[in-house]
Amino acid sequence: QRKNPFSSDDRLASKPAHTHRGDPTYGRPPEGSRTEQRGRDAHSHVGREVEELCLIIRRTGKVGEDGHVRVTFGQLFETYVTISNKVVGILLRARKHGLVHFEGEMLWQGKDDDVVITLL
């Protein structure tokens, strides 16, 4: 079982270094590995999608009296779904980073079309 079935390389897999929760490398791929690079690439890609979502909210929404741009989920879904089918996941990521605000934990097409999304 030391041969890595997911690698085209015929070398034996090195014995994994066991880390513990307090270790800063715990739960992270080995430095310089392909896994680390794929993770960096994915993080960068999601960041670009969050930026694009914020631009679309700015373009399609209306500015309120407080200066914040607001759009309903239904309107955003109709606009953004032609670009990406991951609109809800990207919205959750944007909220996690403090870029948007909306009520509720999850948004569902149809049921939550009137929920207001505020660009912070």
C-alpha atoms as a PDB file:
ATOM      1  CA  GLN A   1       0.000   0.000   0.000  1.00  0.00           C
ATOM      2  CA  ARG A   2       2.970   2.276  -0.144  1.00  0.00           C
ATOM      3  CA  LYS A   3       2.515   2.722  -3.915  1.00  0.00           C
ATOM      4  CA  ASN A   4       0.414   5.785  -4.654  1.00  0.00           C
ATOM      5  CA  PRO A   5      -2.388   4.682  -7.055  1.00  0.00           C
ATOM      6  CA  PHE A   6      -3.142   8.302  -7.993  1.00  0.00           C
ATOM      7  CA  SER A   7       0.328   9.064  -9.278  1.00  0.00           C
ATOM      8  CA  SER A   8       1.772   8.240 -12.679  1.00  0.00           C
ATOM      9  CA  ASP A   9       5.100   7.925 -10.907  1.00  0.00           C
ATOM     10  CA  ASP A  10       6.225   4.350 -10.109  1.00  0.00           C
ATOM     11  CA  ARG A  11       8.034   5.375  -6.935  1.00  0.00           C
ATOM     12  CA  LEU A  12       6.827   4.230  -3.572  1.00  0.00           C
ATOM     13  CA  ALA A  13       4.922   6.801  -1.596  1.00  0.00           C
ATOM     14  CA  SER A  14       6.947   8.252   1.218  1.00  0.00           C
ATOM     15  CA  LYS A  15       5.697   7.583   4.676  1.00  0.00           C
ATOM     16  CA  PRO A  16       3.474  10.515   5.647  1.00  0.00           C
ATOM     17  CA  ALA A  17       4.754  12.743   8.411  1.00  0.00           C
ATOM     18  CA  HIS A  18       2.255  12.684  11.251  1.00  0.00           C
ATOM     19  CA  THR A  19       1.451  16.086  12.648  1.00  0.00           C
ATOM     20  CA  HIS A  20      -0.683  17.061  15.594  1.00  0.00           C
ATOM     21  CA  ARG A  21      -3.320  19.744  16.010  1.00  0.00           C
ATOM     22  CA  GLY A  22      -0.962  22.289  17.527  1.00  0.00           C
ATOM     23  CA  ASP A  23       1.499  22.016  14.632  1.00  0.00           C
ATOM     24  CA  PRO A  24       1.225  24.888  12.067  1.00  0.00           C
ATOM     25  CA  THR A  25       1.503  22.341   9.222  1.00  0.00           C
ATOM     26  CA  TYR A  26      -1.437  20.286  10.544  1.00  0.00           C
ATOM     27  CA  GLY A  27      -4.061  19.768   7.826  1.00  0.00           C
ATOM     28  CA  ARG A  28      -1.899  21.349   5.137  1.00  0.00           C
ATOM     29  CA  PRO A  29      -0.270  19.686   2.131  1.00  0.00           C
ATOM     30  CA  PRO A  30       3.519  19.390   2.026  1.00  0.00           C
ATOM     31  CA  GLU A  31       5.215  22.616   0.996  1.00  0.00           C
ATOM     32  CA  GLY A  32       6.063  22.726  -2.718  1.00  0.00           C
ATOM     33  CA  SER A  33       3.773  19.806  -3.566  1.00  0.00           C
ATOM     34  CA  ARG A  34       1.318  19.688  -6.464  1.00  0.00           C
ATOM     35  CA  THR A  35      -1.498  19.522  -3.937  1.00  0.00           C
ATOM     36  CA  GLU A  36      -0.368  22.805  -2.412  1.00  0.00           C
ATOM     37  CA  GLN A  37      -0.246  24.404  -5.879  1.00  0.00           C
ATOM     38  CA  ARG A  38      -3.739  23.139  -6.761  1.00  0.00           C
ATOM     39  CA  GLY A  39      -5.033  24.594  -3.492  1.00  0.00           C
ATOM     40  CA  ARG A  40      -3.453  27.978  -4.238  1.00  0.00           C
ATOM     41  CA  ASP A  41      -4.897  27.932  -7.769  1.00  0.00           C
ATOM     42  CA  ALA A  42      -8.386  27.067  -6.467  1.00  0.00           C
ATOM     43  CA  HIS A  43      -8.222  29.806  -3.830  1.00  0.00           C
ATOM     44  CA  SER A  44      -7.233  32.343  -6.489  1.00  0.00           C
ATOM     45  CA  HIS A  45     -10.034  31.203  -8.815  1.00  0.00           C
ATOM     46  CA  VAL A  46     -12.697  31.525  -6.107  1.00  0.00           C
ATOM     47  CA  GLY A  47     -11.351  34.979  -5.214  1.00  0.00           C
ATOM     48  CA  ARG A  48     -11.815  36.112  -8.814  1.00  0.00           C
ATOM     49  CA  GLU A  49     -15.382  34.739  -8.829  1.00  0.00           C
ATOM     50  CA  VAL A  50     -16.198  36.658  -5.626  1.00  0.00           C
ATOM     51  CA  GLU A  51     -14.839  39.859  -7.203  1.00  0.00           C
ATOM     52  CA  GLU A  52     -16.920  39.249 -10.331  1.00  0.00           C
ATOM     53  CA  LEU A  53     -20.041  38.674  -8.214  1.00  0.00           C
ATOM     54  CA  CYS A  54     -19.482  41.995  -6.402  1.00  0.00           C
ATOM     55  CA  LEU A  55     -19.118  43.783  -9.753  1.00  0.00           C
ATOM     56  CA  ILE A  56     -22.376  42.268 -10.984  1.00  0.00           C
ATOM     57  CA  ILE A  57     -24.182  43.329  -7.797  1.00  0.00           C
ATOM     58  CA  ARG A  58     -22.798  46.849  -8.278  1.00  0.00           C
ATOM     59  CA  ARG A  59     -23.971  46.899 -11.920  1.00  0.00           C
ATOM     60  CA  THR A  60     -27.448  45.412 -11.420  1.00  0.00           C
ATOM     61  CA  GLY A  61     -28.343  46.753  -7.970  1.00  0.00           C
ATOM     62  CA  LYS A  62     -29.637  50.095  -6.834  1.00  0.00           C
ATOM     63  CA  VAL A  63     -27.874  52.473  -4.437  1.00  0.00           C
ATOM     64  CA  GLY A  64     -29.814  53.035  -1.224  1.00  0.00           C
ATOM     65  CA  GLU A  65     -29.935  56.161   0.916  1.00  0.00           C
ATOM     66  CA  ASP A  66     -27.044  54.844   3.011  1.00  0.00           C
ATOM     67  CA  GLY A  67     -24.843  54.473  -0.078  1.00  0.00           C
ATOM     68  CA  HIS A  68     -24.901  50.665  -0.140  1.00  0.00           C
ATOM     69  CA  VAL A  69     -25.871  48.857  -3.326  1.00  0.00           C
ATOM     70  CA  ARG A  70     -28.738  46.386  -2.933  1.00  0.00           C
ATOM     71  CA  VAL A  71     -30.190  43.724  -5.213  1.00  0.00           C
ATOM     72  CA  THR A  72     -32.725  40.953  -4.660  1.00  0.00           C
ATOM     73  CA  PHE A  73     -31.569  37.362  -4.807  1.00  0.00           C
ATOM     74  CA  GLY A  74     -34.011  36.634  -7.650  1.00  0.00           C
ATOM     75  CA  GLN A  75     -32.597  39.432  -9.794  1.00  0.00           C
ATOM     76  CA  LEU A  76     -29.009  38.452  -9.002  1.00  0.00           C
ATOM     77  CA  PHE A  77     -29.713  34.771  -9.658  1.00  0.00           C
ATOM     78  CA  GLU A  78     -31.179  35.517 -13.102  1.00  0.00           C
ATOM     79  CA  THR A  79     -28.185  37.692 -14.019  1.00  0.00           C
ATOM     80  CA  TYR A  80     -25.410  35.596 -12.522  1.00  0.00           C
ATOM     81  CA  VAL A  81     -26.632  32.085 -13.378  1.00  0.00           C
ATOM     82  CA  THR A  82     -25.752  32.685 -17.038  1.00  0.00           C
ATOM     83  CA  ILE A  83     -22.150  33.244 -15.905  1.00  0.00           C
ATOM     84  CA  SER A  84     -21.850  30.574 -13.221  1.00  0.00           C
ATOM     85  CA  ASN A  85     -24.138  27.989 -11.668  1.00  0.00           C
ATOM     86  CA  LYS A  86     -22.356  28.441  -8.304  1.00  0.00           C
ATOM     87  CA  VAL A  87     -24.026  31.738  -7.372  1.00  0.00           C
ATOM     88  CA  VAL A  88     -25.137  30.615  -3.885  1.00  0.00           C
ATOM     89  CA  GLY A  89     -21.722  29.187  -2.972  1.00  0.00           C
ATOM     90  CA  ILE A  90     -19.967  32.333  -4.159  1.00  0.00           C
ATOM     91  CA  LEU A  91     -22.460  34.473  -2.197  1.00  0.00           C
ATOM     92  CA  LEU A  92     -21.703  32.479   0.960  1.00  0.00           C
ATOM     93  CA  ARG A  93     -17.961  32.948   0.414  1.00  0.00           C
ATOM     94  CA  ALA A  94     -18.452  36.704  -0.167  1.00  0.00           C
ATOM     95  CA  ARG A  95     -20.455  36.949   3.076  1.00  0.00           C
ATOM     96  CA  LYS A  96     -17.752  35.032   4.957  1.00  0.00           C
ATOM     97  CA  HIS A  97     -15.246  37.684   3.826  1.00  0.00           C
ATOM     98  CA  GLY A  98     -17.562  40.550   4.849  1.00  0.00           C
ATOM     99  CA  LEU A  99     -18.286  41.752   1.306  1.00  0.00           C
ATOM    100  CA  VAL A 100     -22.052  41.188   1.248  1.00  0.00           C
ATOM    101  CA  HIS A 101     -24.883  40.799   3.756  1.00  0.00           C
ATOM    102  CA  PHE A 102     -28.188  38.951   3.518  1.00  0.00           C
ATOM    103  CA  GLU A 103     -30.619  37.378   5.990  1.00  0.00           C
ATOM    104  CA  GLY A 104     -30.708  33.621   6.472  1.00  0.00           C
ATOM    105  CA  GLU A 105     -28.099  30.908   6.243  1.00  0.00           C
ATOM    106  CA  MET A 106     -28.841  29.659   2.729  1.00  0.00           C
ATOM    107  CA  LEU A 107     -30.676  31.095  -0.263  1.00  0.00           C
ATOM    108  CA  TRP A 108     -32.982  28.973  -2.417  1.00  0.00           C
ATOM    109  CA  GLN A 109     -34.149  29.855  -5.922  1.00  0.00           C
ATOM    110  CA  GLY A 110     -37.851  30.682  -5.952  1.00  0.00           C
ATOM    111  CA  LYS A 111     -38.322  30.627  -2.172  1.00  0.00           C
ATOM    112  CA  ASP A 112     -35.813  33.424  -1.422  1.00  0.00           C
ATOM    113  CA  ASP A 113     -36.136  35.537  -4.580  1.00  0.00           C
ATOM    114  CA  ASP A 114     -37.174  38.597  -2.522  1.00  0.00           C
ATOM    115  CA  VAL A 115     -34.261  38.425  -0.052  1.00  0.00           C
ATOM    116  CA  VAL A 116     -32.202  41.600  -0.301  1.00  0.00           C
ATOM    117  CA  ILE A 117     -28.436  41.262  -0.762  1.00  0.00           C
ATOM    118  CA  THR A 118     -26.413  44.290   0.310  1.00  0.00           C
ATOM    119  CA  LEU A 119     -22.957  44.991  -1.067  1.00  0.00           C
ATOM    120  CA  LEU A 120     -20.770  46.178   1.796  1.00  0.00           C
END
